[in-house]
Amino acid sequence: MTKPGNVADGAYVITVRGVAGPWVRGVFDDTELSVAGDTTVLRCAGADQAALHGLLHRIEDLGLELLDIHRESAGPA
């Protein structure tokens, strides 16, 4: 059973505007990062809410525009 605030079975998926360059990619080296059109998608598997807030602070500190954030459940085992 998963405790509240723990997403061990899924991932947070965060989409920001723009294509991340090498420097921004380095700031988020602890996440899976991909580019879709003119957006960058960050996927952080197994993160709890504290880790999510850390990611959101980095996004804010860099002045990136947050477009979407959602939780993706893990697929069937």
PDB file of N, CA and C in Angstrom:
ATOM      1  N   MET A   1       0.836  -1.180   0.000  1.00  0.00           N
ATOM      2  CA  MET A   1       0.000   0.000   0.000  1.00  0.00           C
ATOM      3  C   MET A   1       0.881   1.242   0.000  1.00  0.00           C
ATOM      4  N   THR A   2       0.515   2.231  -0.777  1.00  0.00           N
ATOM      5  CA  THR A   2       1.274   3.465  -0.891  1.00  0.00           C
ATOM      6  C   THR A   2       0.749   4.497   0.084  1.00  0.00           C
ATOM      7  N   LYS A   3       1.650   5.155   0.776  1.00  0.00           N
ATOM      8  CA  LYS A   3       1.266   6.206   1.716  1.00  0.00           C
ATOM      9  C   LYS A   3       0.855   7.446   0.950  1.00  0.00           C
ATOM     10  N   PRO A   4      -0.026   8.285   1.534  1.00  0.00           N
ATOM     11  CA  PRO A   4      -0.384   9.547   0.875  1.00  0.00           C
ATOM     12  C   PRO A   4       0.867  10.376   0.621  1.00  0.00           C
ATOM     13  N   GLY A   5       0.918  10.992  -0.551  1.00  0.00           N
ATOM     14  CA  GLY A   5       2.063  11.812  -0.902  1.00  0.00           C
ATOM     15  C   GLY A   5       3.202  11.033  -1.534  1.00  0.00           C
ATOM     16  N   ASN A   6       3.057   9.721  -1.656  1.00  0.00           N
ATOM     17  CA  ASN A   6       4.104   8.886  -2.243  1.00  0.00           C
ATOM     18  C   ASN A   6       3.614   8.379  -3.594  1.00  0.00           C
ATOM     19  N   VAL A   7       4.436   8.502  -4.611  1.00  0.00           N
ATOM     20  CA  VAL A   7       4.047   8.090  -5.958  1.00  0.00           C
ATOM     21  C   VAL A   7       4.982   6.994  -6.440  1.00  0.00           C
ATOM     22  N   ALA A   8       5.344   6.091  -5.559  1.00  0.00           N
ATOM     23  CA  ALA A   8       6.321   5.065  -5.890  1.00  0.00           C
ATOM     24  C   ALA A   8       5.896   4.223  -7.086  1.00  0.00           C
ATOM     25  N   ASP A   9       4.619   4.104  -7.356  1.00  0.00           N
ATOM     26  CA  ASP A   9       4.135   3.272  -8.450  1.00  0.00           C
ATOM     27  C   ASP A   9       3.910   4.037  -9.747  1.00  0.00           C
ATOM     28  N   GLY A  10       4.177   5.317  -9.768  1.00  0.00           N
ATOM     29  CA  GLY A  10       3.916   6.099 -10.969  1.00  0.00           C
ATOM     30  C   GLY A  10       4.965   7.174 -11.165  1.00  0.00           C
ATOM     31  N   ALA A  11       4.584   8.206 -11.892  1.00  0.00           N
ATOM     32  CA  ALA A  11       5.518   9.293 -12.180  1.00  0.00           C
ATOM     33  C   ALA A  11       4.768  10.608 -12.261  1.00  0.00           C
ATOM     34  N   TYR A  12       5.457  11.672 -11.897  1.00  0.00           N
ATOM     35  CA  TYR A  12       4.949  13.013 -12.169  1.00  0.00           C
ATOM     36  C   TYR A  12       5.458  13.407 -13.537  1.00  0.00           C
ATOM     37  N   VAL A  13       4.583  13.979 -14.361  1.00  0.00           N
ATOM     38  CA  VAL A  13       4.950  14.425 -15.704  1.00  0.00           C
ATOM     39  C   VAL A  13       4.676  15.928 -15.766  1.00  0.00           C
ATOM     40  N   ILE A  14       5.723  16.686 -16.057  1.00  0.00           N
ATOM     41  CA  ILE A  14       5.658  18.143 -16.058  1.00  0.00           C
ATOM     42  C   ILE A  14       6.037  18.642 -17.444  1.00  0.00           C
ATOM     43  N   THR A  15       5.202  19.500 -18.016  1.00  0.00           N
ATOM     44  CA  THR A  15       5.482  20.067 -19.335  1.00  0.00           C
ATOM     45  C   THR A  15       5.719  21.560 -19.187  1.00  0.00           C
ATOM     46  N   VAL A  16       6.816  22.029 -19.773  1.00  0.00           N
ATOM     47  CA  VAL A  16       7.147  23.449 -19.763  1.00  0.00           C
ATOM     48  C   VAL A  16       7.300  23.935 -21.203  1.00  0.00           C
ATOM     49  N   ARG A  17       7.102  25.243 -21.390  1.00  0.00           N
ATOM     50  CA  ARG A  17       7.222  25.825 -22.722  1.00  0.00           C
ATOM     51  C   ARG A  17       8.699  25.945 -23.103  1.00  0.00           C
ATOM     52  N   GLY A  18       8.989  25.649 -24.343  1.00  0.00           N
ATOM     53  CA  GLY A  18      10.342  25.812 -24.875  1.00  0.00           C
ATOM     54  C   GLY A  18      11.107  24.504 -24.934  1.00  0.00           C
ATOM     55  N   VAL A  19      12.158  24.528 -25.713  1.00  0.00           N
ATOM     56  CA  VAL A  19      13.025  23.368 -25.879  1.00  0.00           C
ATOM     57  C   VAL A  19      14.238  23.562 -24.967  1.00  0.00           C
ATOM     58  N   ALA A  20      14.455  22.621 -24.075  1.00  0.00           N
ATOM     59  CA  ALA A  20      15.556  22.722 -23.111  1.00  0.00           C
ATOM     60  C   ALA A  20      16.903  22.564 -23.795  1.00  0.00           C
ATOM     61  N   GLY A  21      17.769  23.522 -23.550  1.00  0.00           N
ATOM     62  CA  GLY A  21      19.136  23.448 -24.047  1.00  0.00           C
ATOM     63  C   GLY A  21      20.003  22.639 -23.091  1.00  0.00           C
ATOM     64  N   PRO A  22      21.284  22.519 -23.400  1.00  0.00           N
ATOM     65  CA  PRO A  22      22.184  21.707 -22.578  1.00  0.00           C
ATOM     66  C   PRO A  22      22.247  22.150 -21.114  1.00  0.00           C
ATOM     67  N   TRP A  23      22.234  23.455 -20.863  1.00  0.00           N
ATOM     68  CA  TRP A  23      22.341  23.930 -19.484  1.00  0.00           C
ATOM     69  C   TRP A  23      21.109  23.527 -18.673  1.00  0.00           C
ATOM     70  N   VAL A  24      19.927  23.737 -19.236  1.00  0.00           N
ATOM     71  CA  VAL A  24      18.685  23.357 -18.539  1.00  0.00           C
ATOM     72  C   VAL A  24      18.632  21.845 -18.359  1.00  0.00           C
ATOM     73  N   ARG A  25      19.062  21.097 -19.353  1.00  0.00           N
ATOM     74  CA  ARG A  25      19.097  19.631 -19.226  1.00  0.00           C
ATOM     75  C   ARG A  25      19.982  19.220 -18.055  1.00  0.00           C
ATOM     76  N   GLY A  26      21.080  19.927 -17.854  1.00  0.00           N
ATOM     77  CA  GLY A  26      21.960  19.631 -16.733  1.00  0.00           C
ATOM     78  C   GLY A  26      21.312  19.888 -15.384  1.00  0.00           C
ATOM     79  N   VAL A  27      20.476  20.921 -15.312  1.00  0.00           N
ATOM     80  CA  VAL A  27      19.779  21.243 -14.063  1.00  0.00           C
ATOM     81  C   VAL A  27      18.791  20.132 -13.701  1.00  0.00           C
ATOM     82  N   PHE A  28      18.245  19.474 -14.704  1.00  0.00           N
ATOM     83  CA  PHE A  28      17.255  18.419 -14.483  1.00  0.00           C
ATOM     84  C   PHE A  28      17.833  17.039 -14.806  1.00  0.00           C
ATOM     85  N   ASP A  29      19.095  16.823 -14.489  1.00  0.00           N
ATOM     86  CA  ASP A  29      19.742  15.552 -14.811  1.00  0.00           C
ATOM     87  C   ASP A  29      19.214  14.375 -13.987  1.00  0.00           C
ATOM     88  N   ASP A  30      18.372  14.655 -12.994  1.00  0.00           N
ATOM     89  CA  ASP A  30      17.782  13.585 -12.185  1.00  0.00           C
ATOM     90  C   ASP A  30      16.389  13.187 -12.671  1.00  0.00           C
ATOM     91  N   THR A  31      15.985  13.713 -13.825  1.00  0.00           N
ATOM     92  CA  THR A  31      14.682  13.379 -14.399  1.00  0.00           C
ATOM     93  C   THR A  31      14.864  12.884 -15.827  1.00  0.00           C
ATOM     94  N   GLU A  32      13.846  12.186 -16.316  1.00  0.00           N
ATOM     95  CA  GLU A  32      13.820  11.816 -17.731  1.00  0.00           C
ATOM     96  C   GLU A  32      13.300  13.030 -18.480  1.00  0.00           C
ATOM     97  N   LEU A  33      14.029  13.502 -19.460  1.00  0.00           N
ATOM     98  CA  LEU A  33      13.670  14.722 -20.168  1.00  0.00           C
ATOM     99  C   LEU A  33      13.520  14.422 -21.656  1.00  0.00           C
ATOM    100  N   SER A  34      12.430  14.914 -22.240  1.00  0.00           N
ATOM    101  CA  SER A  34      12.230  14.742 -23.676  1.00  0.00           C
ATOM    102  C   SER A  34      11.625  16.019 -24.245  1.00  0.00           C
ATOM    103  N   VAL A  35      11.735  16.160 -25.556  1.00  0.00           N
ATOM    104  CA  VAL A  35      11.200  17.326 -26.246  1.00  0.00           C
ATOM    105  C   VAL A  35      10.059  16.872 -27.137  1.00  0.00           C
ATOM    106  N   ALA A  36       8.958  17.612 -27.067  1.00  0.00           N
ATOM    107  CA  ALA A  36       7.793  17.335 -27.914  1.00  0.00           C
ATOM    108  C   ALA A  36       7.373  18.652 -28.562  1.00  0.00           C
ATOM    109  N   GLY A  37       7.720  18.839 -29.826  1.00  0.00           N
ATOM    110  CA  GLY A  37       7.418  20.100 -30.499  1.00  0.00           C
ATOM    111  C   GLY A  37       8.194  21.233 -29.860  1.00  0.00           C
ATOM    112  N   ASP A  38       7.462  22.257 -29.407  1.00  0.00           N
ATOM    113  CA  ASP A  38       8.124  23.399 -28.769  1.00  0.00           C
ATOM    114  C   ASP A  38       7.998  23.359 -27.253  1.00  0.00           C
ATOM    115  N   THR A  39       7.859  22.146 -26.699  1.00  0.00           N
ATOM    116  CA  THR A  39       7.782  21.981 -25.252  1.00  0.00           C
ATOM    117  C   THR A  39       8.803  20.954 -24.781  1.00  0.00           C
ATOM    118  N   THR A  40       9.110  21.039 -23.496  1.00  0.00           N
ATOM    119  CA  THR A  40       9.979  20.064 -22.857  1.00  0.00           C
ATOM    120  C   THR A  40       9.163  19.329 -21.804  1.00  0.00           C
ATOM    121  N   VAL A  41       9.297  18.009 -21.771  1.00  0.00           N
ATOM    122  CA  VAL A  41       8.549  17.171 -20.832  1.00  0.00           C
ATOM    123  C   VAL A  41       9.542  16.543 -19.855  1.00  0.00           C
ATOM    124  N   LEU A  42       9.280  16.755 -18.574  1.00  0.00           N
ATOM    125  CA  LEU A  42      10.080  16.161 -17.506  1.00  0.00           C
ATOM    126  C   LEU A  42       9.262  15.049 -16.876  1.00  0.00           C
ATOM    127  N   ARG A  43       9.851  13.874 -16.729  1.00  0.00           N
ATOM    128  CA  ARG A  43       9.153  12.744 -16.109  1.00  0.00           C
ATOM    129  C   ARG A  43      10.002  12.275 -14.938  1.00  0.00           C
ATOM    130  N   CYS A  44       9.400  12.284 -13.753  1.00  0.00           N
ATOM    131  CA  CYS A  44      10.121  11.908 -12.532  1.00  0.00           C
ATOM    132  C   CYS A  44       9.415  10.707 -11.908  1.00  0.00           C
ATOM    133  N   ALA A  45       9.953   9.522 -12.176  1.00  0.00           N
ATOM    134  CA  ALA A  45       9.340   8.284 -11.694  1.00  0.00           C
ATOM    135  C   ALA A  45       9.644   8.069 -10.217  1.00  0.00           C
ATOM    136  N   GLY A  46       8.646   7.597  -9.494  1.00  0.00           N
ATOM    137  CA  GLY A  46       8.815   7.228  -8.097  1.00  0.00           C
ATOM    138  C   GLY A  46       9.015   8.391  -7.148  1.00  0.00           C
ATOM    139  N   ALA A  47       8.752   9.606  -7.578  1.00  0.00           N
ATOM    140  CA  ALA A  47       8.972  10.779  -6.733  1.00  0.00           C
ATOM    141  C   ALA A  47       7.815  10.986  -5.765  1.00  0.00           C
ATOM    142  N   ASP A  48       8.150  11.464  -4.579  1.00  0.00           N
ATOM    143  CA  ASP A  48       7.107  11.841  -3.625  1.00  0.00           C
ATOM    144  C   ASP A  48       6.820  13.331  -3.796  1.00  0.00           C
ATOM    145  N   GLN A  49       5.921  13.857  -2.978  1.00  0.00           N
ATOM    146  CA  GLN A  49       5.537  15.262  -3.130  1.00  0.00           C
ATOM    147  C   GLN A  49       6.685  16.213  -2.816  1.00  0.00           C
ATOM    148  N   ALA A  50       7.570  15.833  -1.910  1.00  0.00           N
ATOM    149  CA  ALA A  50       8.724  16.692  -1.610  1.00  0.00           C
ATOM    150  C   ALA A  50       9.612  16.838  -2.847  1.00  0.00           C
ATOM    151  N   ALA A  51       9.843  15.744  -3.565  1.00  0.00           N
ATOM    152  CA  ALA A  51      10.637  15.797  -4.794  1.00  0.00           C
ATOM    153  C   ALA A  51       9.926  16.631  -5.859  1.00  0.00           C
ATOM    154  N   LEU A  52       8.609  16.497  -5.939  1.00  0.00           N
ATOM    155  CA  LEU A  52       7.827  17.290  -6.884  1.00  0.00           C
ATOM    156  C   LEU A  52       7.995  18.778  -6.598  1.00  0.00           C
ATOM    157  N   HIS A  53       7.899  19.156  -5.333  1.00  0.00           N
ATOM    158  CA  HIS A  53       8.050  20.568  -4.977  1.00  0.00           C
ATOM    159  C   HIS A  53       9.452  21.066  -5.317  1.00  0.00           C
ATOM    160  N   GLY A  54      10.463  20.218  -5.150  1.00  0.00           N
ATOM    161  CA  GLY A  54      11.819  20.587  -5.538  1.00  0.00           C
ATOM    162  C   GLY A  54      11.929  20.859  -7.034  1.00  0.00           C
ATOM    163  N   LEU A  55      11.298  20.012  -7.837  1.00  0.00           N
ATOM    164  CA  LEU A  55      11.288  20.225  -9.290  1.00  0.00           C
ATOM    165  C   LEU A  55      10.585  21.533  -9.644  1.00  0.00           C
ATOM    166  N   LEU A  56       9.450  21.782  -8.994  1.00  0.00           N
ATOM    167  CA  LEU A  56       8.694  23.005  -9.274  1.00  0.00           C
ATOM    168  C   LEU A  56       9.493  24.250  -8.893  1.00  0.00           C
ATOM    169  N   HIS A  57      10.261  24.180  -7.810  1.00  0.00           N
ATOM    170  CA  HIS A  57      11.108  25.312  -7.417  1.00  0.00           C
ATOM    171  C   HIS A  57      12.193  25.559  -8.461  1.00  0.00           C
ATOM    172  N   ARG A  58      12.792  24.490  -8.992  1.00  0.00           N
ATOM    173  CA  ARG A  58      13.811  24.662 -10.034  1.00  0.00           C
ATOM    174  C   ARG A  58      13.204  25.295 -11.283  1.00  0.00           C
ATOM    175  N   ILE A  59      12.003  24.851 -11.652  1.00  0.00           N
ATOM    176  CA  ILE A  59      11.315  25.417 -12.817  1.00  0.00           C
ATOM    177  C   ILE A  59      11.079  26.910 -12.604  1.00  0.00           C
ATOM    178  N   GLU A  60      10.599  27.263 -11.421  1.00  0.00           N
ATOM    179  CA  GLU A  60      10.335  28.671 -11.098  1.00  0.00           C
ATOM    180  C   GLU A  60      11.639  29.477 -11.099  1.00  0.00           C
ATOM    181  N   ASP A  61      12.687  28.943 -10.473  1.00  0.00           N
ATOM    182  CA  ASP A  61      13.972  29.650 -10.404  1.00  0.00           C
ATOM    183  C   ASP A  61      14.548  29.936 -11.790  1.00  0.00           C
ATOM    184  N   LEU A  62      14.293  29.051 -12.748  1.00  0.00           N
ATOM    185  CA  LEU A  62      14.797  29.231 -14.111  1.00  0.00           C
ATOM    186  C   LEU A  62      13.882  30.112 -14.964  1.00  0.00           C
ATOM    187  N   GLY A  63      12.715  30.466 -14.420  1.00  0.00           N
ATOM    188  CA  GLY A  63      11.774  31.300 -15.162  1.00  0.00           C
ATOM    189  C   GLY A  63      11.074  30.558 -16.278  1.00  0.00           C
ATOM    190  N   LEU A  64      10.990  29.230 -16.170  1.00  0.00           N
ATOM    191  CA  LEU A  64      10.312  28.439 -17.193  1.00  0.00           C
ATOM    192  C   LEU A  64       8.806  28.534 -17.003  1.00  0.00           C
ATOM    193  N   GLU A  65       8.080  28.502 -18.102  1.00  0.00           N
ATOM    194  CA  GLU A  65       6.617  28.572 -18.049  1.00  0.00           C
ATOM    195  C   GLU A  65       6.035  27.170 -17.934  1.00  0.00           C
ATOM    196  N   LEU A  66       5.375  26.909 -16.825  1.00  0.00           N
ATOM    197  CA  LEU A  66       4.731  25.624 -16.581  1.00  0.00           C
ATOM    198  C   LEU A  66       3.442  25.544 -17.385  1.00  0.00           C
ATOM    199  N   LEU A  67       3.313  24.507 -18.216  1.00  0.00           N
ATOM    200  CA  LEU A  67       2.118  24.327 -19.030  1.00  0.00           C
ATOM    201  C   LEU A  67       1.186  23.259 -18.474  1.00  0.00           C
ATOM    202  N   ASP A  68       1.765  22.193 -17.911  1.00  0.00           N
ATOM    203  CA  ASP A  68       0.938  21.086 -17.433  1.00  0.00           C
ATOM    204  C   ASP A  68       1.723  20.276 -16.418  1.00  0.00           C
ATOM    205  N   ILE A  69       0.984  19.732 -15.467  1.00  0.00           N
ATOM    206  CA  ILE A  69       1.565  18.785 -14.527  1.00  0.00           C
ATOM    207  C   ILE A  69       0.493  17.757 -14.203  1.00  0.00           C
ATOM    208  N   HIS A  70       0.874  16.505 -14.253  1.00  0.00           N
ATOM    209  CA  HIS A  70      -0.077  15.452 -13.893  1.00  0.00           C
ATOM    210  C   HIS A  70       0.681  14.228 -13.408  1.00  0.00           C
ATOM    211  N   ARG A  71      -0.047  13.359 -12.769  1.00  0.00           N
ATOM    212  CA  ARG A  71       0.503  12.115 -12.284  1.00  0.00           C
ATOM    213  C   ARG A  71       0.126  11.013 -13.258  1.00  0.00           C
ATOM    214  N   GLU A  72       1.103  10.222 -13.616  1.00  0.00           N
ATOM    215  CA  GLU A  72       0.890   9.092 -14.509  1.00  0.00           C
ATOM    216  C   GLU A  72       1.006   7.822 -13.693  1.00  0.00           C
ATOM    217  N   SER A  73      -0.008   7.011 -13.690  1.00  0.00           N
ATOM    218  CA  SER A  73       0.037   5.758 -12.950  1.00  0.00           C
ATOM    219  C   SER A  73       0.913   4.757 -13.671  1.00  0.00           C
ATOM    220  N   ALA A  74       1.496   3.859 -12.901  1.00  0.00           N
ATOM    221  CA  ALA A  74       2.278   2.782 -13.498  1.00  0.00           C
ATOM    222  C   ALA A  74       1.340   1.828 -14.212  1.00  0.00           C
ATOM    223  N   GLY A  75       1.831   1.224 -15.241  1.00  0.00           N
ATOM    224  CA  GLY A  75       1.023   0.260 -15.991  1.00  0.00           C
ATOM    225  C   GLY A  75       0.827  -1.015 -15.183  1.00  0.00           C
ATOM    226  N   PRO A  76       0.010  -1.917 -15.685  1.00  0.00           N
ATOM    227  CA  PRO A  76      -0.223  -3.191 -14.980  1.00  0.00           C
ATOM    228  C   PRO A  76       1.080  -3.977 -14.823  1.00  0.00           C
ATOM    229  N   ALA A  77       1.201  -4.605 -13.687  1.00  0.00           N
ATOM    230  CA  ALA A  77       2.440  -5.364 -13.406  1.00  0.00           C
ATOM    231  C   ALA A  77       2.448  -6.691 -14.118  1.00  0.00           C
TER     232      ALA A  77
END
